[in-house]
Each structure stands twice: as structure tokens, then as C-alpha cells.
Amino acid sequence: MGMSSAERLRTAVAALMHVTGDTQAGIAEVLGVDPTQVSRRQSGAAAWSLDDCDAIAGHFGIGVLDLLAGPTRACESLPAGRRRTVPRRRGAETAAKGAAR
């Protein structure tokens, strides 16, 4: 059996936070709650509300249905400008140059 809706939502929020570099404290600010409340929701000790889903989807610039569809769909729907850019490692640049020769 697949993931429950609650699990799909939690993994989508975690994936979006990872891809954008957002933190639980940042999500808490968006929701107007304490960061421990976000932690409880992400651990499954408390449930996300529909209002939370609306606010989170709006924060990330995606549709609520994309958020509820799970991590893959949520991340694919994320606007390019919301993605965190990670600087390339120095070793990766050298390896890429060596491979191009």
C-alpha cells in the first residue's frame, strides 16, 4: 500500500524545504505558529490543517493539489526562482573540465 495523505503531505513539505532551503522556523513564520508546532506536524504528532496547506502552497508558489500530490509533484511544480542554488564544489569543476578534454 502507498503512503497515506498525511505522509504524502509531510514528505512534500520536507522535500520543498530541502529544495528551497527553507527551515521549519521559516514555515512557522508563514503559518504564524511556533516552530515546535511545525515540528509536531512534520513528525505526525499533530495534523496539518487545510488552512496550513493553503498557506504553505502559497508560500512556495504552487497549487494546493500539487502540494497534496506528494513530494515529486510538489517539487516539479515549484517555480524555478524558488529553488535554492547550490554552489558547485571545487572538485566537481575540476572533474567536469577534465571530462570535457
Protein backbone atom coordinates (compact mmCIF):
# COMPACT_ATOMS: atom_id res chain seq x y z
CA MET A 1 0.00 0.00 0.00
CA GLY A 2 1.20 3.53 -0.76
CA MET A 3 1.64 6.48 1.52
CA SER A 4 -1.30 7.97 3.38
CA SER A 5 -2.37 11.52 2.52
CA ALA A 6 -0.79 12.76 5.76
CA GLU A 7 2.53 11.06 4.93
CA ARG A 8 2.43 12.41 1.37
CA LEU A 9 1.88 15.93 2.71
CA ARG A 10 4.69 15.65 5.28
CA THR A 11 7.14 14.35 2.68
CA ALA A 12 6.11 17.07 0.22
CA VAL A 13 6.72 19.79 2.81
CA ALA A 14 10.09 18.26 3.73
CA ALA A 15 11.11 18.00 0.06
CA LEU A 16 10.08 21.59 -0.65
CA MET A 17 12.02 22.82 2.38
CA HIS A 18 15.07 20.89 1.18
CA VAL A 19 14.87 22.17 -2.41
CA THR A 20 14.31 25.79 -1.39
CA GLY A 21 16.49 25.89 1.71
CA ASP A 22 13.54 26.89 3.89
CA THR A 23 13.52 25.88 7.55
CA GLN A 24 10.83 24.81 9.97
CA ALA A 25 11.24 28.22 11.60
CA GLY A 26 10.52 29.88 8.25
CA ILE A 27 7.43 27.75 7.71
CA ALA A 28 6.32 28.53 11.27
CA GLU A 29 6.57 32.24 10.49
CA VAL A 30 4.42 31.80 7.37
CA LEU A 31 1.80 29.96 9.43
CA GLY A 32 2.02 32.25 12.44
CA VAL A 33 2.86 29.40 14.81
CA ASP A 34 5.78 28.35 16.96
CA PRO A 35 8.48 26.24 15.23
CA THR A 36 7.71 23.38 17.62
CA GLN A 37 4.23 23.21 16.08
CA VAL A 38 5.75 22.72 12.62
CA SER A 39 8.00 20.03 14.07
CA ARG A 40 4.98 18.27 15.58
CA ARG A 41 3.13 18.41 12.28
CA GLN A 42 6.13 17.13 10.35
CA SER A 43 6.63 14.24 12.79
CA GLY A 44 2.95 13.27 12.60
CA ALA A 45 2.27 14.12 16.25
CA ALA A 46 -0.15 16.82 15.06
CA ALA A 47 -2.07 17.20 11.81
CA TRP A 48 -1.71 19.86 9.12
CA SER A 49 -4.95 21.81 8.61
CA LEU A 50 -6.40 22.78 5.24
CA ASP A 51 -5.58 26.41 6.07
CA ASP A 52 -1.97 25.32 6.67
CA CYS A 53 -1.94 23.65 3.26
CA ASP A 54 -3.24 26.82 1.60
CA ALA A 55 -0.57 28.93 3.32
CA ILE A 56 2.27 26.51 2.56
CA ALA A 57 1.30 26.13 -1.08
CA GLY A 58 1.06 29.90 -1.44
CA HIS A 59 4.43 30.36 0.24
CA PHE A 60 6.10 28.00 -2.22
CA GLY A 61 4.15 29.33 -5.22
CA ILE A 62 2.47 26.03 -6.06
CA GLY A 63 -1.12 24.82 -6.13
CA VAL A 64 -2.62 23.07 -3.12
CA LEU A 65 -3.35 19.98 -5.20
CA ASP A 66 0.30 19.85 -6.25
CA LEU A 67 1.31 20.00 -2.58
CA LEU A 68 -1.12 17.22 -1.65
CA ALA A 69 0.00 15.05 -4.59
CA GLY A 70 3.31 14.39 -2.87
CA PRO A 71 6.96 15.37 -3.00
CA THR A 72 7.64 14.70 -6.67
CA ARG A 73 4.70 16.69 -7.98
CA ALA A 74 5.24 19.48 -5.43
CA CYS A 75 8.89 19.91 -6.38
CA GLU A 76 8.16 19.70 -10.11
CA SER A 77 5.57 22.49 -9.68
CA LEU A 78 7.96 24.76 -7.79
CA PRO A 79 8.79 27.94 -9.73
CA ALA A 80 12.44 27.97 -10.82
CA GLY A 81 13.09 31.17 -8.88
CA ARG A 82 12.16 29.44 -5.60
CA ARG A 83 14.81 26.76 -5.95
CA ARG A 84 17.94 27.11 -3.85
CA THR A 85 21.09 27.40 -5.89
CA VAL A 86 23.93 25.35 -4.52
CA PRO A 87 27.42 26.44 -5.49
CA ARG A 88 29.40 23.78 -7.29
CA ARG A 89 32.19 22.17 -5.35
CA ARG A 90 35.71 22.98 -6.48
CA GLY A 91 36.46 19.30 -7.12
CA ALA A 92 33.37 18.96 -9.28
CA GLU A 93 34.52 21.84 -11.51
CA THR A 94 37.94 20.25 -11.99
CA ALA A 95 36.38 16.88 -12.80
CA ALA A 96 34.00 18.49 -15.30
CA LYS A 97 36.86 20.27 -17.04
CA GLY A 98 38.89 17.08 -17.20
CA ALA A 99 35.96 15.18 -18.69
CA ALA A 100 35.47 17.84 -21.37
CA ARG A 101 39.05 17.48 -22.67
